[in-house]
């Protein structure tokens, strides 16, 4: 159940951030997290992982 105080904020967020894009960003965050732990990306610097994440989120 959603507190009525926050309904307007949720409606605004739903208009500004489509569910498809939100799901994509969550997936990108998970991938970046795995890479930061060394899964699927050997010897990548944290800065490079962050740059890649931000680029993918913006495009």
PDB file of N, CA and C in Angstrom:
ATOM      1  N   UNK A   1       0.846  -1.186   0.000  1.00  0.00           N
ATOM      2  CA  UNK A   1       0.000   0.000   0.000  1.00  0.00           C
ATOM      3  C   UNK A   1       0.887   1.243   0.000  1.00  0.00           C
ATOM      4  N   UNK A   2       0.535   2.208  -0.822  1.00  0.00           N
ATOM      5  CA  UNK A   2       1.319   3.431  -0.969  1.00  0.00           C
ATOM      6  C   UNK A   2       0.723   4.530  -0.093  1.00  0.00           C
ATOM      7  N   UNK A   3       1.593   5.180   0.644  1.00  0.00           N
ATOM      8  CA  UNK A   3       1.173   6.313   1.458  1.00  0.00           C
ATOM      9  C   UNK A   3       0.691   7.427   0.531  1.00  0.00           C
ATOM     10  N   UNK A   4      -0.514   7.957   0.752  1.00  0.00           N
ATOM     11  CA  UNK A   4      -1.057   9.003  -0.126  1.00  0.00           C
ATOM     12  C   UNK A   4      -0.159  10.234  -0.256  1.00  0.00           C
ATOM     13  N   UNK A   5       0.662  10.482   0.727  1.00  0.00           N
ATOM     14  CA  UNK A   5       1.563  11.632   0.692  1.00  0.00           C
ATOM     15  C   UNK A   5       2.546  11.538  -0.479  1.00  0.00           C
ATOM     16  N   UNK A   6       2.912  10.320  -0.880  1.00  0.00           N
ATOM     17  CA  UNK A   6       3.925  10.116  -1.911  1.00  0.00           C
ATOM     18  C   UNK A   6       3.356   9.845  -3.306  1.00  0.00           C
ATOM     19  N   UNK A   7       2.051   9.756  -3.440  1.00  0.00           N
ATOM     20  CA  UNK A   7       1.445   9.393  -4.723  1.00  0.00           C
ATOM     21  C   UNK A   7       1.836  10.368  -5.836  1.00  0.00           C
ATOM     22  N   UNK A   8       1.793  11.645  -5.570  1.00  0.00           N
ATOM     23  CA  UNK A   8       2.138  12.634  -6.606  1.00  0.00           C
ATOM     24  C   UNK A   8       3.584  12.467  -7.064  1.00  0.00           C
ATOM     25  N   UNK A   9       4.487  12.195  -6.123  1.00  0.00           N
ATOM     26  CA  UNK A   9       5.893  11.974  -6.493  1.00  0.00           C
ATOM     27  C   UNK A   9       6.042  10.734  -7.363  1.00  0.00           C
ATOM     28  N   UNK A  10       5.331   9.669  -7.027  1.00  0.00           N
ATOM     29  CA  UNK A  10       5.400   8.434  -7.816  1.00  0.00           C
ATOM     30  C   UNK A  10       4.840   8.650  -9.217  1.00  0.00           C
ATOM     31  N   UNK A  11       3.767   9.424  -9.320  1.00  0.00           N
ATOM     32  CA  UNK A  11       3.187   9.695 -10.634  1.00  0.00           C
ATOM     33  C   UNK A  11       4.152  10.507 -11.499  1.00  0.00           C
ATOM     34  N   UNK A  12       4.799  11.480 -10.902  1.00  0.00           N
ATOM     35  CA  UNK A  12       5.780  12.281 -11.639  1.00  0.00           C
ATOM     36  C   UNK A  12       6.942  11.409 -12.105  1.00  0.00           C
ATOM     37  N   UNK A  13       7.436  10.560 -11.223  1.00  0.00           N
ATOM     38  CA  UNK A  13       8.543   9.665 -11.576  1.00  0.00           C
ATOM     39  C   UNK A  13       8.129   8.711 -12.691  1.00  0.00           C
ATOM     40  N   UNK A  14       6.912   8.197 -12.631  1.00  0.00           N
ATOM     41  CA  UNK A  14       6.434   7.263 -13.654  1.00  0.00           C
ATOM     42  C   UNK A  14       6.359   7.938 -15.023  1.00  0.00           C
ATOM     43  N   UNK A  15       6.024   9.218 -15.050  1.00  0.00           N
ATOM     44  CA  UNK A  15       5.977   9.942 -16.329  1.00  0.00           C
ATOM     45  C   UNK A  15       7.377  10.221 -16.865  1.00  0.00           C
ATOM     46  N   UNK A  16       8.312  10.506 -15.983  1.00  0.00           N
ATOM     47  CA  UNK A  16       9.657  10.901 -16.406  1.00  0.00           C
ATOM     48  C   UNK A  16      10.597   9.735 -16.681  1.00  0.00           C
ATOM     49  N   UNK A  17      10.325   8.593 -16.078  1.00  0.00           N
ATOM     50  CA  UNK A  17      11.221   7.442 -16.197  1.00  0.00           C
ATOM     51  C   UNK A  17      10.423   6.214 -16.617  1.00  0.00           C
ATOM     52  N   UNK A  18      10.384   5.911 -17.919  1.00  0.00           N
ATOM     53  CA  UNK A  18       9.638   4.739 -18.397  1.00  0.00           C
ATOM     54  C   UNK A  18      10.199   3.444 -17.802  1.00  0.00           C
ATOM     55  N   UNK A  19       9.312   2.496 -17.548  1.00  0.00           N
ATOM     56  CA  UNK A  19       9.706   1.240 -16.912  1.00  0.00           C
ATOM     57  C   UNK A  19      10.786   0.512 -17.705  1.00  0.00           C
ATOM     58  N   UNK A  20      10.722   0.552 -19.026  1.00  0.00           N
ATOM     59  CA  UNK A  20      11.737  -0.121 -19.840  1.00  0.00           C
ATOM     60  C   UNK A  20      13.122   0.452 -19.560  1.00  0.00           C
ATOM     61  N   UNK A  21      13.224   1.775 -19.474  1.00  0.00           N
ATOM     62  CA  UNK A  21      14.518   2.418 -19.214  1.00  0.00           C
ATOM     63  C   UNK A  21      14.989   2.113 -17.793  1.00  0.00           C
ATOM     64  N   UNK A  22      14.086   2.123 -16.834  1.00  0.00           N
ATOM     65  CA  UNK A  22      14.442   1.811 -15.447  1.00  0.00           C
ATOM     66  C   UNK A  22      14.983   0.388 -15.353  1.00  0.00           C
ATOM     67  N   UNK A  23      14.317  -0.552 -16.013  1.00  0.00           N
ATOM     68  CA  UNK A  23      14.775  -1.947 -16.005  1.00  0.00           C
ATOM     69  C   UNK A  23      16.150  -2.075 -16.649  1.00  0.00           C
ATOM     70  N   UNK A  24      16.362  -1.343 -17.728  1.00  0.00           N
ATOM     71  CA  UNK A  24      17.658  -1.373 -18.413  1.00  0.00           C
ATOM     72  C   UNK A  24      18.758  -0.839 -17.497  1.00  0.00           C
ATOM     73  N   UNK A  25      18.501   0.248 -16.799  1.00  0.00           N
ATOM     74  CA  UNK A  25      19.501   0.841 -15.910  1.00  0.00           C
ATOM     75  C   UNK A  25      19.814  -0.099 -14.752  1.00  0.00           C
ATOM     76  N   UNK A  26      18.800  -0.764 -14.208  1.00  0.00           N
ATOM     77  CA  UNK A  26      19.039  -1.730 -13.125  1.00  0.00           C
ATOM     78  C   UNK A  26      19.923  -2.862 -13.625  1.00  0.00           C
ATOM     79  N   UNK A  27      19.674  -3.332 -14.840  1.00  0.00           N
ATOM     80  CA  UNK A  27      20.501  -4.381 -15.426  1.00  0.00           C
ATOM     81  C   UNK A  27      21.940  -3.908 -15.608  1.00  0.00           C
ATOM     82  N   UNK A  28      22.115  -2.680 -16.066  1.00  0.00           N
ATOM     83  CA  UNK A  28      23.460  -2.121 -16.236  1.00  0.00           C
ATOM     84  C   UNK A  28      24.182  -2.009 -14.897  1.00  0.00           C
ATOM     85  N   UNK A  29      23.452  -1.614 -13.862  1.00  0.00           N
ATOM     86  CA  UNK A  29      24.046  -1.524 -12.525  1.00  0.00           C
ATOM     87  C   UNK A  29      24.508  -2.892 -12.033  1.00  0.00           C
ATOM     88  N   UNK A  30      23.698  -3.904 -12.282  1.00  0.00           N
ATOM     89  CA  UNK A  30      24.084  -5.268 -11.879  1.00  0.00           C
ATOM     90  C   UNK A  30      25.340  -5.722 -12.611  1.00  0.00           C
ATOM     91  N   UNK A  31      25.394  -5.441 -13.915  1.00  0.00           N
ATOM     92  CA  UNK A  31      26.577  -5.817 -14.696  1.00  0.00           C
ATOM     93  C   UNK A  31      27.825  -5.096 -14.186  1.00  0.00           C
ATOM     94  N   UNK A  32      27.688  -3.802 -13.897  1.00  0.00           N
ATOM     95  CA  UNK A  32      28.825  -3.031 -13.385  1.00  0.00           C
ATOM     96  C   UNK A  32      29.265  -3.566 -12.028  1.00  0.00           C
ATOM     97  N   UNK A  33      28.312  -3.969 -11.209  1.00  0.00           N
ATOM     98  CA  UNK A  33      28.641  -4.534  -9.899  1.00  0.00           C
ATOM     99  C   UNK A  33      29.455  -5.813 -10.061  1.00  0.00           C
ATOM    100  N   UNK A  34      29.031  -6.678 -10.978  1.00  0.00           N
ATOM    101  CA  UNK A  34      29.775  -7.918 -11.215  1.00  0.00           C
ATOM    102  C   UNK A  34      31.178  -7.627 -11.735  1.00  0.00           C
ATOM    103  N   UNK A  35      31.281  -6.689 -12.658  1.00  0.00           N
ATOM    104  CA  UNK A  35      32.598  -6.334 -13.196  1.00  0.00           C
ATOM    105  C   UNK A  35      33.506  -5.781 -12.104  1.00  0.00           C
ATOM    106  N   UNK A  36      32.937  -5.004 -11.191  1.00  0.00           N
ATOM    107  CA  UNK A  36      33.751  -4.436 -10.110  1.00  0.00           C
ATOM    108  C   UNK A  36      34.263  -5.519  -9.171  1.00  0.00           C
ATOM    109  N   UNK A  37      33.581  -6.666  -9.190  1.00  0.00           N
ATOM    110  CA  UNK A  37      33.998  -7.800  -8.358  1.00  0.00           C
ATOM    111  C   UNK A  37      34.863  -8.782  -9.134  1.00  0.00           C
ATOM    112  N   UNK A  38      35.156  -8.453 -10.403  1.00  0.00           N
ATOM    113  CA  UNK A  38      36.045  -9.280 -11.205  1.00  0.00           C
ATOM    114  C   UNK A  38      35.364 -10.355 -12.018  1.00  0.00           C
ATOM    115  N   UNK A  39      34.044 -10.346 -12.070  1.00  0.00           N
ATOM    116  CA  UNK A  39      33.311 -11.355 -12.831  1.00  0.00           C
ATOM    117  C   UNK A  39      33.126 -10.853 -14.262  1.00  0.00           C
ATOM    118  N   UNK A  40      33.722 -11.535 -15.212  1.00  0.00           N
ATOM    119  CA  UNK A  40      33.560 -11.187 -16.617  1.00  0.00           C
ATOM    120  C   UNK A  40      34.384 -10.004 -17.083  1.00  0.00           C
ATOM    121  N   UNK A  41      35.265  -9.519 -16.248  1.00  0.00           N
ATOM    122  CA  UNK A  41      36.094  -8.377 -16.645  1.00  0.00           C
ATOM    123  C   UNK A  41      37.392  -8.431 -15.857  1.00  0.00           C
ATOM    124  N   UNK A  42      38.425  -8.943 -16.467  1.00  0.00           N
ATOM    125  CA  UNK A  42      39.717  -9.036 -15.792  1.00  0.00           C
ATOM    126  C   UNK A  42      40.434  -7.702 -15.860  1.00  0.00           C
ATOM    127  N   UNK A  43      40.932  -7.272 -14.729  1.00  0.00           N
ATOM    128  CA  UNK A  43      41.828  -6.116 -14.631  1.00  0.00           C
ATOM    129  C   UNK A  43      41.254  -4.809 -15.180  1.00  0.00           C
ATOM    130  N   UNK A  44      39.971  -4.587 -15.016  1.00  0.00           N
ATOM    131  CA  UNK A  44      39.397  -3.291 -15.389  1.00  0.00           C
ATOM    132  C   UNK A  44      39.450  -2.372 -14.179  1.00  0.00           C
ATOM    133  N   UNK A  45      39.894  -1.155 -14.399  1.00  0.00           N
ATOM    134  CA  UNK A  45      39.936  -0.179 -13.310  1.00  0.00           C
ATOM    135  C   UNK A  45      38.514   0.255 -12.964  1.00  0.00           C
ATOM    136  N   UNK A  46      38.303   0.611 -11.702  1.00  0.00           N
ATOM    137  CA  UNK A  46      36.975   1.040 -11.271  1.00  0.00           C
ATOM    138  C   UNK A  46      36.499   2.248 -12.068  1.00  0.00           C
ATOM    139  N   UNK A  47      37.422   3.148 -12.378  1.00  0.00           N
ATOM    140  CA  UNK A  47      37.060   4.328 -13.162  1.00  0.00           C
ATOM    141  C   UNK A  47      36.560   3.968 -14.550  1.00  0.00           C
ATOM    142  N   UNK A  48      37.170   2.953 -15.153  1.00  0.00           N
ATOM    143  CA  UNK A  48      36.738   2.512 -16.481  1.00  0.00           C
ATOM    144  C   UNK A  48      35.351   1.881 -16.425  1.00  0.00           C
ATOM    145  N   UNK A  49      35.096   1.118 -15.373  1.00  0.00           N
ATOM    146  CA  UNK A  49      33.773   0.502 -15.203  1.00  0.00           C
ATOM    147  C   UNK A  49      32.723   1.595 -15.038  1.00  0.00           C
ATOM    148  N   UNK A  50      33.040   2.604 -14.253  1.00  0.00           N
ATOM    149  CA  UNK A  50      32.107   3.712 -14.036  1.00  0.00           C
ATOM    150  C   UNK A  50      31.853   4.485 -15.322  1.00  0.00           C
ATOM    151  N   UNK A  51      32.895   4.759 -16.090  1.00  0.00           N
ATOM    152  CA  UNK A  51      32.733   5.473 -17.363  1.00  0.00           C
ATOM    153  C   UNK A  51      31.839   4.680 -18.313  1.00  0.00           C
ATOM    154  N   UNK A  52      32.089   3.380 -18.389  1.00  0.00           N
ATOM    155  CA  UNK A  52      31.275   2.527 -19.253  1.00  0.00           C
ATOM    156  C   UNK A  52      29.819   2.532 -18.801  1.00  0.00           C
ATOM    157  N   UNK A  53      29.602   2.430 -17.494  1.00  0.00           N
ATOM    158  CA  UNK A  53      28.246   2.435 -16.947  1.00  0.00           C
ATOM    159  C   UNK A  53      27.527   3.735 -17.294  1.00  0.00           C
ATOM    160  N   UNK A  54      28.168   4.852 -17.052  1.00  0.00           N
ATOM    161  CA  UNK A  54      27.537   6.141 -17.327  1.00  0.00           C
ATOM    162  C   UNK A  54      27.243   6.326 -18.809  1.00  0.00           C
ATOM    163  N   UNK A  55      28.171   5.896 -19.661  1.00  0.00           N
ATOM    164  CA  UNK A  55      27.944   6.003 -21.103  1.00  0.00           C
ATOM    165  C   UNK A  55      26.716   5.194 -21.512  1.00  0.00           C
ATOM    166  N   UNK A  56      26.637   3.961 -21.030  1.00  0.00           N
ATOM    167  CA  UNK A  56      25.506   3.101 -21.393  1.00  0.00           C
ATOM    168  C   UNK A  56      24.187   3.635 -20.841  1.00  0.00           C
ATOM    169  N   UNK A  57      24.232   4.238 -19.662  1.00  0.00           N
ATOM    170  CA  UNK A  57      23.006   4.792 -19.081  1.00  0.00           C
ATOM    171  C   UNK A  57      22.497   5.993 -19.875  1.00  0.00           C
ATOM    172  N   UNK A  58      23.419   6.762 -20.441  1.00  0.00           N
ATOM    173  CA  UNK A  58      23.026   7.967 -21.167  1.00  0.00           C
ATOM    174  C   UNK A  58      22.636   7.693 -22.619  1.00  0.00           C
ATOM    175  N   UNK A  59      23.057   6.558 -23.170  1.00  0.00           N
ATOM    176  CA  UNK A  59      22.773   6.274 -24.585  1.00  0.00           C
ATOM    177  C   UNK A  59      21.875   5.087 -24.759  1.00  0.00           C
TER     178      UNK A  59
END
